[in-house]
Amino acid sequence: SSSRKATRRILVFVGIIVIGYGALDELTQPLVGRTRDGYDLLADSLGMLVGMAIFLALRAFMLRRGANR
């Protein structure tokens, strides 16, 4: 459906922004006396995926709940 496509587009856009922000954060670490760590970017990305999964699960629950009323 068009709602699913819109949700998918939004999640892809958010994913790009979050990963880009995480990458920029890692690139600028030496400016404040810290070291870059690819595992931090990986952790940020995994956190984003978990957040998106929770969002999708809650959205599906709410849509089903609304359809049953």
PDB file of N, CA and C in Angstrom:
ATOM      1  N   SER A   1       0.834  -1.190   0.000  1.00  0.00           N
ATOM      2  CA  SER A   1       0.000   0.000   0.000  1.00  0.00           C
ATOM      3  C   SER A   1       0.877   1.251   0.000  1.00  0.00           C
ATOM      4  N   SER A   2       0.263   2.375  -0.274  1.00  0.00           N
ATOM      5  CA  SER A   2       1.031   3.622  -0.326  1.00  0.00           C
ATOM      6  C   SER A   2       1.536   4.021   1.059  1.00  0.00           C
ATOM      7  N   SER A   3       0.794   3.636   2.102  1.00  0.00           N
ATOM      8  CA  SER A   3       1.244   3.932   3.467  1.00  0.00           C
ATOM      9  C   SER A   3       2.530   3.178   3.794  1.00  0.00           C
ATOM     10  N   ARG A   4       2.601   1.919   3.363  1.00  0.00           N
ATOM     11  CA  ARG A   4       3.823   1.136   3.592  1.00  0.00           C
ATOM     12  C   ARG A   4       5.005   1.718   2.832  1.00  0.00           C
ATOM     13  N   LYS A   5       4.752   2.144   1.591  1.00  0.00           N
ATOM     14  CA  LYS A   5       5.830   2.740   0.794  1.00  0.00           C
ATOM     15  C   LYS A   5       6.319   4.034   1.435  1.00  0.00           C
ATOM     16  N   ALA A   6       5.384   4.836   1.924  1.00  0.00           N
ATOM     17  CA  ALA A   6       5.767   6.096   2.570  1.00  0.00           C
ATOM     18  C   ALA A   6       6.575   5.819   3.836  1.00  0.00           C
ATOM     19  N   THR A   7       6.129   4.843   4.622  1.00  0.00           N
ATOM     20  CA  THR A   7       6.863   4.485   5.839  1.00  0.00           C
ATOM     21  C   THR A   7       8.255   3.992   5.494  1.00  0.00           C
ATOM     22  N   ARG A   8       8.358   3.163   4.472  1.00  0.00           N
ATOM     23  CA  ARG A   8       9.665   2.645   4.053  1.00  0.00           C
ATOM     24  C   ARG A   8      10.582   3.788   3.634  1.00  0.00           C
ATOM     25  N   ARG A   9      10.055   4.733   2.855  1.00  0.00           N
ATOM     26  CA  ARG A   9      10.870   5.879   2.415  1.00  0.00           C
ATOM     27  C   ARG A   9      11.344   6.706   3.607  1.00  0.00           C
ATOM     28  N   ILE A  10      10.454   6.929   4.556  1.00  0.00           N
ATOM     29  CA  ILE A  10      10.822   7.709   5.741  1.00  0.00           C
ATOM     30  C   ILE A  10      11.901   6.990   6.543  1.00  0.00           C
ATOM     31  N   LEU A  11      11.743   5.673   6.726  1.00  0.00           N
ATOM     32  CA  LEU A  11      12.742   4.923   7.492  1.00  0.00           C
ATOM     33  C   LEU A  11      14.093   4.903   6.786  1.00  0.00           C
ATOM     34  N   VAL A  12      14.095   4.790   5.468  1.00  0.00           N
ATOM     35  CA  VAL A  12      15.360   4.838   4.724  1.00  0.00           C
ATOM     36  C   VAL A  12      16.006   6.214   4.898  1.00  0.00           C
ATOM     37  N   PHE A  13      15.209   7.265   4.785  1.00  0.00           N
ATOM     38  CA  PHE A  13      15.723   8.622   4.954  1.00  0.00           C
ATOM     39  C   PHE A  13      16.304   8.805   6.356  1.00  0.00           C
ATOM     40  N   VAL A  14      15.558   8.380   7.369  1.00  0.00           N
ATOM     41  CA  VAL A  14      16.036   8.484   8.753  1.00  0.00           C
ATOM     42  C   VAL A  14      17.315   7.669   8.935  1.00  0.00           C
ATOM     43  N   GLY A  15      17.362   6.477   8.347  1.00  0.00           N
ATOM     44  CA  GLY A  15      18.551   5.635   8.440  1.00  0.00           C
ATOM     45  C   GLY A  15      19.778   6.308   7.854  1.00  0.00           C
ATOM     46  N   ILE A  16      19.605   6.929   6.703  1.00  0.00           N
ATOM     47  CA  ILE A  16      20.723   7.639   6.065  1.00  0.00           C
ATOM     48  C   ILE A  16      21.197   8.784   6.953  1.00  0.00           C
ATOM     49  N   ILE A  17      20.256   9.530   7.511  1.00  0.00           N
ATOM     50  CA  ILE A  17      20.611  10.656   8.382  1.00  0.00           C
ATOM     51  C   ILE A  17      21.344  10.166   9.635  1.00  0.00           C
ATOM     52  N   VAL A  18      20.818   9.126  10.272  1.00  0.00           N
ATOM     53  CA  VAL A  18      21.425   8.623  11.513  1.00  0.00           C
ATOM     54  C   VAL A  18      22.825   8.082  11.253  1.00  0.00           C
ATOM     55  N   ILE A  19      22.986   7.286  10.206  1.00  0.00           N
ATOM     56  CA  ILE A  19      24.308   6.736   9.895  1.00  0.00           C
ATOM     57  C   ILE A  19      25.272   7.852   9.492  1.00  0.00           C
ATOM     58  N   GLY A  20      24.779   8.812   8.723  1.00  0.00           N
ATOM     59  CA  GLY A  20      25.616   9.951   8.346  1.00  0.00           C
ATOM     60  C   GLY A  20      26.061  10.757   9.553  1.00  0.00           C
ATOM     61  N   TYR A  21      25.141  10.982  10.473  1.00  0.00           N
ATOM     62  CA  TYR A  21      25.473  11.715  11.697  1.00  0.00           C
ATOM     63  C   TYR A  21      26.493  10.940  12.526  1.00  0.00           C
ATOM     64  N   GLY A  22      26.288   9.634  12.647  1.00  0.00           N
ATOM     65  CA  GLY A  22      27.232   8.803  13.400  1.00  0.00           C
ATOM     66  C   GLY A  22      28.617   8.813  12.773  1.00  0.00           C
ATOM     67  N   ALA A  23      28.656   8.752  11.435  1.00  0.00           N
ATOM     68  CA  ALA A  23      29.941   8.779  10.732  1.00  0.00           C
ATOM     69  C   ALA A  23      30.635  10.127  10.927  1.00  0.00           C
ATOM     70  N   LEU A  24      29.870  11.208  10.820  1.00  0.00           N
ATOM     71  CA  LEU A  24      30.442  12.539  11.033  1.00  0.00           C
ATOM     72  C   LEU A  24      30.958  12.682  12.463  1.00  0.00           C
ATOM     73  N   ASP A  25      30.210  12.151  13.405  1.00  0.00           N
ATOM     74  CA  ASP A  25      30.637  12.183  14.804  1.00  0.00           C
ATOM     75  C   ASP A  25      31.969  11.455  14.974  1.00  0.00           C
ATOM     76  N   GLU A  26      32.103  10.303  14.347  1.00  0.00           N
ATOM     77  CA  GLU A  26      33.365   9.549  14.448  1.00  0.00           C
ATOM     78  C   GLU A  26      34.508  10.287  13.759  1.00  0.00           C
ATOM     79  N   LEU A  27      34.229  10.912  12.624  1.00  0.00           N
ATOM     80  CA  LEU A  27      35.279  11.641  11.906  1.00  0.00           C
ATOM     81  C   LEU A  27      35.796  12.837  12.701  1.00  0.00           C
ATOM     82  N   THR A  28      34.945  13.435  13.503  1.00  0.00           N
ATOM     83  CA  THR A  28      35.357  14.626  14.255  1.00  0.00           C
ATOM     84  C   THR A  28      35.901  14.306  15.648  1.00  0.00           C
ATOM     85  N   GLN A  29      35.959  13.056  16.031  1.00  0.00           N
ATOM     86  CA  GLN A  29      36.468  12.683  17.356  1.00  0.00           C
ATOM     87  C   GLN A  29      37.882  13.219  17.625  1.00  0.00           C
ATOM     88  N   PRO A  30      38.812  13.140  16.662  1.00  0.00           N
ATOM     89  CA  PRO A  30      40.170  13.648  16.943  1.00  0.00           C
ATOM     90  C   PRO A  30      40.215  15.146  17.257  1.00  0.00           C
ATOM     91  N   LEU A  31      39.214  15.892  16.828  1.00  0.00           N
ATOM     92  CA  LEU A  31      39.196  17.334  17.092  1.00  0.00           C
ATOM     93  C   LEU A  31      39.032  17.647  18.577  1.00  0.00           C
ATOM     94  N   VAL A  32      38.491  16.691  19.330  1.00  0.00           N
ATOM     95  CA  VAL A  32      38.298  16.902  20.769  1.00  0.00           C
ATOM     96  C   VAL A  32      39.161  15.947  21.595  1.00  0.00           C
ATOM     97  N   GLY A  33      40.232  15.444  20.969  1.00  0.00           N
ATOM     98  CA  GLY A  33      41.194  14.619  21.688  1.00  0.00           C
ATOM     99  C   GLY A  33      40.776  13.173  21.897  1.00  0.00           C
ATOM    100  N   ARG A  34      39.831  12.701  21.121  1.00  0.00           N
ATOM    101  CA  ARG A  34      39.386  11.305  21.247  1.00  0.00           C
ATOM    102  C   ARG A  34      39.790  10.548  19.987  1.00  0.00           C
ATOM    103  N   THR A  35      39.641   9.246  20.007  1.00  0.00           N
ATOM    104  CA  THR A  35      39.991   8.445  18.836  1.00  0.00           C
ATOM    105  C   THR A  35      38.729   7.966  18.135  1.00  0.00           C
ATOM    106  N   ARG A  36      38.887   7.735  16.842  1.00  0.00           N
ATOM    107  CA  ARG A  36      37.783   7.182  16.053  1.00  0.00           C
ATOM    108  C   ARG A  36      37.629   5.708  16.379  1.00  0.00           C
ATOM    109  N   ASP A  37      36.384   5.239  16.338  1.00  0.00           N
ATOM    110  CA  ASP A  37      36.138   3.826  16.593  1.00  0.00           C
ATOM    111  C   ASP A  37      34.969   3.361  15.735  1.00  0.00           C
ATOM    112  N   GLY A  38      35.261   2.477  14.814  1.00  0.00           N
ATOM    113  CA  GLY A  38      34.226   1.943  13.935  1.00  0.00           C
ATOM    114  C   GLY A  38      33.147   1.192  14.691  1.00  0.00           C
ATOM    115  N   TYR A  39      33.510   0.646  15.849  1.00  0.00           N
ATOM    116  CA  TYR A  39      32.511  -0.069  16.652  1.00  0.00           C
ATOM    117  C   TYR A  39      31.449   0.884  17.208  1.00  0.00           C
ATOM    118  N   ASP A  40      31.827   2.138  17.446  1.00  0.00           N
ATOM    119  CA  ASP A  40      30.831   3.126  17.884  1.00  0.00           C
ATOM    120  C   ASP A  40      29.806   3.367  16.785  1.00  0.00           C
ATOM    121  N   LEU A  41      30.280   3.482  15.554  1.00  0.00           N
ATOM    122  CA  LEU A  41      29.365   3.663  14.426  1.00  0.00           C
ATOM    123  C   LEU A  41      28.479   2.432  14.266  1.00  0.00           C
ATOM    124  N   LEU A  42      29.054   1.259  14.443  1.00  0.00           N
ATOM    125  CA  LEU A  42      28.268   0.028  14.376  1.00  0.00           C
ATOM    126  C   LEU A  42      27.202   0.011  15.473  1.00  0.00           C
ATOM    127  N   ALA A  43      27.575   0.410  16.673  1.00  0.00           N
ATOM    128  CA  ALA A  43      26.616   0.455  17.785  1.00  0.00           C
ATOM    129  C   ALA A  43      25.497   1.452  17.498  1.00  0.00           C
ATOM    130  N   ASP A  44      25.848   2.612  16.944  1.00  0.00           N
ATOM    131  CA  ASP A  44      24.828   3.597  16.571  1.00  0.00           C
ATOM    132  C   ASP A  44      23.861   3.007  15.547  1.00  0.00           C
ATOM    133  N   SER A  45      24.413   2.321  14.555  1.00  0.00           N
ATOM    134  CA  SER A  45      23.593   1.739  13.492  1.00  0.00           C
ATOM    135  C   SER A  45      22.689   0.635  14.026  1.00  0.00           C
ATOM    136  N   LEU A  46      23.219  -0.207  14.901  1.00  0.00           N
ATOM    137  CA  LEU A  46      22.396  -1.267  15.492  1.00  0.00           C
ATOM    138  C   LEU A  46      21.303  -0.679  16.379  1.00  0.00           C
ATOM    139  N   GLY A  47      21.620   0.357  17.105  1.00  0.00           N
ATOM    140  CA  GLY A  47      20.612   1.036  17.920  1.00  0.00           C
ATOM    141  C   GLY A  47      19.498   1.607  17.072  1.00  0.00           C
ATOM    142  N   MET A  48      19.866   2.161  15.923  1.00  0.00           N
ATOM    143  CA  MET A  48      18.872   2.684  14.997  1.00  0.00           C
ATOM    144  C   MET A  48      17.965   1.561  14.507  1.00  0.00           C
ATOM    145  N   LEU A  49      18.556   0.417  14.154  1.00  0.00           N
ATOM    146  CA  LEU A  49      17.756  -0.710  13.669  1.00  0.00           C
ATOM    147  C   LEU A  49      16.805  -1.227  14.742  1.00  0.00           C
ATOM    148  N   VAL A  50      17.270  -1.295  15.970  1.00  0.00           N
ATOM    149  CA  VAL A  50      16.403  -1.724  17.074  1.00  0.00           C
ATOM    150  C   VAL A  50      15.261  -0.720  17.255  1.00  0.00           C
ATOM    151  N   GLY A  51      15.583   0.551  17.217  1.00  0.00           N
ATOM    152  CA  GLY A  51      14.551   1.583  17.338  1.00  0.00           C
ATOM    153  C   GLY A  51      13.523   1.502  16.229  1.00  0.00           C
ATOM    154  N   MET A  52      13.983   1.263  15.008  1.00  0.00           N
ATOM    155  CA  MET A  52      13.058   1.130  13.881  1.00  0.00           C
ATOM    156  C   MET A  52      12.186  -0.112  14.028  1.00  0.00           C
ATOM    157  N   ALA A  53      12.764  -1.196  14.506  1.00  0.00           N
ATOM    158  CA  ALA A  53      11.990  -2.428  14.706  1.00  0.00           C
ATOM    159  C   ALA A  53      10.909  -2.209  15.764  1.00  0.00           C
ATOM    160  N   ILE A  54      11.256  -1.518  16.841  1.00  0.00           N
ATOM    161  CA  ILE A  54      10.272  -1.217  17.883  1.00  0.00           C
ATOM    162  C   ILE A  54       9.168  -0.326  17.318  1.00  0.00           C
ATOM    163  N   PHE A  55       9.556   0.683  16.553  1.00  0.00           N
ATOM    164  CA  PHE A  55       8.570   1.566  15.927  1.00  0.00           C
ATOM    165  C   PHE A  55       7.612   0.780  15.045  1.00  0.00           C
ATOM    166  N   LEU A  56       8.157  -0.087  14.191  1.00  0.00           N
ATOM    167  CA  LEU A  56       7.307  -0.859  13.282  1.00  0.00           C
ATOM    168  C   LEU A  56       6.385  -1.811  14.040  1.00  0.00           C
ATOM    169  N   ALA A  57       6.886  -2.423  15.101  1.00  0.00           N
ATOM    170  CA  ALA A  57       6.055  -3.330  15.896  1.00  0.00           C
ATOM    171  C   ALA A  57       4.921  -2.564  16.579  1.00  0.00           C
ATOM    172  N   LEU A  58       5.233  -1.421  17.166  1.00  0.00           N
ATOM    173  CA  LEU A  58       4.198  -0.620  17.818  1.00  0.00           C
ATOM    174  C   LEU A  58       3.188  -0.090  16.811  1.00  0.00           C
ATOM    175  N   ARG A  59       3.672   0.316  15.657  1.00  0.00           N
ATOM    176  CA  ARG A  59       2.779   0.817  14.603  1.00  0.00           C
ATOM    177  C   ARG A  59       1.826  -0.281  14.156  1.00  0.00           C
ATOM    178  N   ALA A  60       2.345  -1.483  13.929  1.00  0.00           N
ATOM    179  CA  ALA A  60       1.499  -2.602  13.514  1.00  0.00           C
ATOM    180  C   ALA A  60       0.470  -2.923  14.598  1.00  0.00           C
ATOM    181  N   PHE A  61       0.896  -2.907  15.853  1.00  0.00           N
ATOM    182  CA  PHE A  61      -0.021  -3.167  16.966  1.00  0.00           C
ATOM    183  C   PHE A  61      -1.140  -2.132  16.997  1.00  0.00           C
ATOM    184  N   MET A  62      -0.770  -0.863  16.868  1.00  0.00           N
ATOM    185  CA  MET A  62      -1.772   0.205  16.919  1.00  0.00           C
ATOM    186  C   MET A  62      -2.724   0.133  15.727  1.00  0.00           C
ATOM    187  N   LEU A  63      -2.208  -0.196  14.553  1.00  0.00           N
ATOM    188  CA  LEU A  63      -3.077  -0.312  13.379  1.00  0.00           C
ATOM    189  C   LEU A  63      -4.051  -1.469  13.541  1.00  0.00           C
ATOM    190  N   ARG A  64      -3.568  -2.605  14.052  1.00  0.00           N
ATOM    191  CA  ARG A  64      -4.457  -3.754  14.283  1.00  0.00           C
ATOM    192  C   ARG A  64      -5.490  -3.427  15.344  1.00  0.00           C
ATOM    193  N   ARG A  65      -5.046  -2.761  16.380  1.00  0.00           N
ATOM    194  CA  ARG A  65      -5.955  -2.402  17.471  1.00  0.00           C
ATOM    195  C   ARG A  65      -7.043  -1.464  16.966  1.00  0.00           C
ATOM    196  N   GLY A  66      -6.662  -0.507  16.133  1.00  0.00           N
ATOM    197  CA  GLY A  66      -7.641   0.426  15.571  1.00  0.00           C
ATOM    198  C   GLY A  66      -8.608  -0.255  14.618  1.00  0.00           C
ATOM    199  N   ALA A  67      -8.128  -1.259  13.890  1.00  0.00           N
ATOM    200  CA  ALA A  67      -8.982  -1.972  12.937  1.00  0.00           C
ATOM    201  C   ALA A  67      -9.990  -2.859  13.652  1.00  0.00           C
ATOM    202  N   ASN A  68      -9.682  -3.261  14.872  1.00  0.00           N
ATOM    203  CA  ASN A  68     -10.575  -4.144  15.630  1.00  0.00           C
ATOM    204  C   ASN A  68     -11.624  -3.384  16.426  1.00  0.00           C
ATOM    205  N   ARG A  69     -11.608  -2.093  16.388  1.00  0.00           N
ATOM    206  CA  ARG A  69     -12.588  -1.303  17.162  1.00  0.00           C
ATOM    207  C   ARG A  69     -13.842  -1.083  16.387  1.00  0.00           C
TER     208      ARG A  69
END
